[in-house]
Amino acid sequence: MILIDSPIWPGHGRRWSHLVSDESYAELHTFAAELGLSRRAFDGDHYDLPESMYQQAIDAGATAVTGRELVTRLNAAGLRRRKTRRTDDT
């Protein structure tokens, strides 16, 4: 299932949603391509989706969930990828 959280995440002068699949990355990439998203918008385990495309994603079949539910479902599916922190060893 494709899930989307509310567009509350600020960045680059806009607000963003996270678009994920709780089934597979293949499902997510296919859905994102159908929306016209660039693969560059993929960030490890989700696509960053601008607020202007939120309703389009819903209309295409994404299910609106809270941010907490989104992360819970990603974890349960084993698809959550945590960002690694870079350290400066110099």
C-alpha atoms as a PDB file:
ATOM      1  CA  MET A   1       0.000   0.000   0.000  1.00  0.00           C
ATOM      2  CA  ILE A   2       1.245   3.509  -0.768  1.00  0.00           C
ATOM      3  CA  LEU A   3       1.151   5.867   2.217  1.00  0.00           C
ATOM      4  CA  ILE A   4       1.580   9.630   2.474  1.00  0.00           C
ATOM      5  CA  ASP A   5       1.841  11.933   5.465  1.00  0.00           C
ATOM      6  CA  SER A   6       0.648  15.531   5.622  1.00  0.00           C
ATOM      7  CA  PRO A   7       2.788  18.184   3.926  1.00  0.00           C
ATOM      8  CA  ILE A   8       4.219  19.708   7.093  1.00  0.00           C
ATOM      9  CA  TRP A   9       7.956  19.278   6.516  1.00  0.00           C
ATOM     10  CA  PRO A  10       9.642  22.570   5.523  1.00  0.00           C
ATOM     11  CA  GLY A  11      12.440  22.801   3.000  1.00  0.00           C
ATOM     12  CA  HIS A  12      13.537  24.963   0.097  1.00  0.00           C
ATOM     13  CA  GLY A  13      10.727  27.467   0.670  1.00  0.00           C
ATOM     14  CA  ARG A  14       8.002  24.800   0.461  1.00  0.00           C
ATOM     15  CA  ARG A  15       6.307  22.169   2.559  1.00  0.00           C
ATOM     16  CA  TRP A  16       6.752  18.477   1.829  1.00  0.00           C
ATOM     17  CA  SER A  17       5.127  15.096   2.433  1.00  0.00           C
ATOM     18  CA  HIS A  18       6.785  11.710   2.588  1.00  0.00           C
ATOM     19  CA  LEU A  19       5.552   9.074   0.158  1.00  0.00           C
ATOM     20  CA  VAL A  20       6.283   5.442   1.080  1.00  0.00           C
ATOM     21  CA  SER A  21       5.214   1.875   0.429  1.00  0.00           C
ATOM     22  CA  ASP A  22       4.645  -0.647   3.190  1.00  0.00           C
ATOM     23  CA  GLU A  23       5.028  -3.450   0.625  1.00  0.00           C
ATOM     24  CA  SER A  24       8.135  -2.852  -1.498  1.00  0.00           C
ATOM     25  CA  TYR A  25      10.435  -0.283  -3.005  1.00  0.00           C
ATOM     26  CA  ALA A  26       9.367  -1.517  -6.450  1.00  0.00           C
ATOM     27  CA  GLU A  27       5.760  -0.554  -5.674  1.00  0.00           C
ATOM     28  CA  LEU A  28       6.927   2.842  -4.428  1.00  0.00           C
ATOM     29  CA  HIS A  29       9.114   3.549  -7.473  1.00  0.00           C
ATOM     30  CA  THR A  30       6.296   2.575  -9.848  1.00  0.00           C
ATOM     31  CA  PHE A  31       3.790   4.824  -8.073  1.00  0.00           C
ATOM     32  CA  ALA A  32       6.242   7.721  -7.975  1.00  0.00           C
ATOM     33  CA  ALA A  33       7.007   7.359 -11.682  1.00  0.00           C
ATOM     34  CA  GLU A  34       3.286   7.424 -12.468  1.00  0.00           C
ATOM     35  CA  LEU A  35       3.057  10.712 -10.554  1.00  0.00           C
ATOM     36  CA  GLY A  36       5.967  12.060 -12.595  1.00  0.00           C
ATOM     37  CA  LEU A  37       8.425  12.225  -9.712  1.00  0.00           C
ATOM     38  CA  SER A  38      12.103  12.132 -10.511  1.00  0.00           C
ATOM     39  CA  ARG A  39      14.106   9.285  -8.990  1.00  0.00           C
ATOM     40  CA  ARG A  40      16.233  12.072  -7.461  1.00  0.00           C
ATOM     41  CA  ALA A  41      13.321  12.715  -5.072  1.00  0.00           C
ATOM     42  CA  PHE A  42      13.900   9.265  -3.513  1.00  0.00           C
ATOM     43  CA  ASP A  43      15.607   9.597  -0.132  1.00  0.00           C
ATOM     44  CA  GLY A  44      16.570   6.135   1.091  1.00  0.00           C
ATOM     45  CA  ASP A  45      13.125   4.802   1.975  1.00  0.00           C
ATOM     46  CA  HIS A  46      10.724   7.511   0.814  1.00  0.00           C
ATOM     47  CA  TYR A  47      10.052  10.123  -1.810  1.00  0.00           C
ATOM     48  CA  ASP A  48       9.862  13.766  -0.835  1.00  0.00           C
ATOM     49  CA  LEU A  49       6.661  15.067  -2.382  1.00  0.00           C
ATOM     50  CA  PRO A  50       5.901  18.797  -2.603  1.00  0.00           C
ATOM     51  CA  GLU A  51       2.657  20.017  -1.075  1.00  0.00           C
ATOM     52  CA  SER A  52       1.435  20.983  -4.551  1.00  0.00           C
ATOM     53  CA  MET A  53       1.323  17.265  -5.466  1.00  0.00           C
ATOM     54  CA  TYR A  54      -0.285  15.985  -2.261  1.00  0.00           C
ATOM     55  CA  GLN A  55      -3.842  15.821  -3.621  1.00  0.00           C
ATOM     56  CA  GLN A  56      -2.622  14.271  -6.869  1.00  0.00           C
ATOM     57  CA  ALA A  57      -1.030  11.442  -4.863  1.00  0.00           C
ATOM     58  CA  ILE A  58      -4.249  10.921  -2.883  1.00  0.00           C
ATOM     59  CA  ASP A  59      -6.303  10.897  -6.088  1.00  0.00           C
ATOM     60  CA  ALA A  60      -3.900   8.307  -7.545  1.00  0.00           C
ATOM     61  CA  GLY A  61      -4.501   5.983  -4.586  1.00  0.00           C
ATOM     62  CA  ALA A  62      -2.102   6.946  -1.803  1.00  0.00           C
ATOM     63  CA  THR A  63      -3.536   6.571   1.691  1.00  0.00           C
ATOM     64  CA  ALA A  64      -3.160   9.551   4.027  1.00  0.00           C
ATOM     65  CA  VAL A  65      -1.672   8.633   7.413  1.00  0.00           C
ATOM     66  CA  THR A  66       0.049  10.453  10.236  1.00  0.00           C
ATOM     67  CA  GLY A  67       3.819  10.694  10.259  1.00  0.00           C
ATOM     68  CA  ARG A  68       3.924   8.307  13.200  1.00  0.00           C
ATOM     69  CA  GLU A  69       1.778   5.734  11.386  1.00  0.00           C
ATOM     70  CA  LEU A  70       3.964   6.054   8.288  1.00  0.00           C
ATOM     71  CA  VAL A  71       7.134   5.253  10.254  1.00  0.00           C
ATOM     72  CA  THR A  72       5.410   2.442  12.174  1.00  0.00           C
ATOM     73  CA  ARG A  73       4.295   0.796   8.929  1.00  0.00           C
ATOM     74  CA  LEU A  74       7.735   1.201   7.319  1.00  0.00           C
ATOM     75  CA  ASN A  75       9.362  -0.414  10.354  1.00  0.00           C
ATOM     76  CA  ALA A  76       6.841  -3.270  10.416  1.00  0.00           C
ATOM     77  CA  ALA A  77       7.494  -3.960   6.727  1.00  0.00           C
ATOM     78  CA  GLY A  78      11.267  -3.927   7.260  1.00  0.00           C
ATOM     79  CA  LEU A  79      11.644  -1.079   4.758  1.00  0.00           C
ATOM     80  CA  ARG A  80      12.794   1.686   7.107  1.00  0.00           C
ATOM     81  CA  ARG A  81      16.281   2.935   6.388  1.00  0.00           C
ATOM     82  CA  ARG A  82      17.755   5.263   8.927  1.00  0.00           C
ATOM     83  CA  LYS A  83      20.038   7.965   7.674  1.00  0.00           C
ATOM     84  CA  THR A  84      23.634   7.467   8.711  1.00  0.00           C
ATOM     85  CA  ARG A  85      25.287  10.384  10.400  1.00  0.00           C
ATOM     86  CA  ARG A  86      28.620  11.435   9.047  1.00  0.00           C
ATOM     87  CA  THR A  87      31.253  12.294  11.579  1.00  0.00           C
ATOM     88  CA  ASP A  88      34.205  14.532  11.078  1.00  0.00           C
ATOM     89  CA  ASP A  89      37.261  12.621  12.233  1.00  0.00           C
ATOM     90  CA  THR A  90      39.721  15.467  11.627  1.00  0.00           C
END
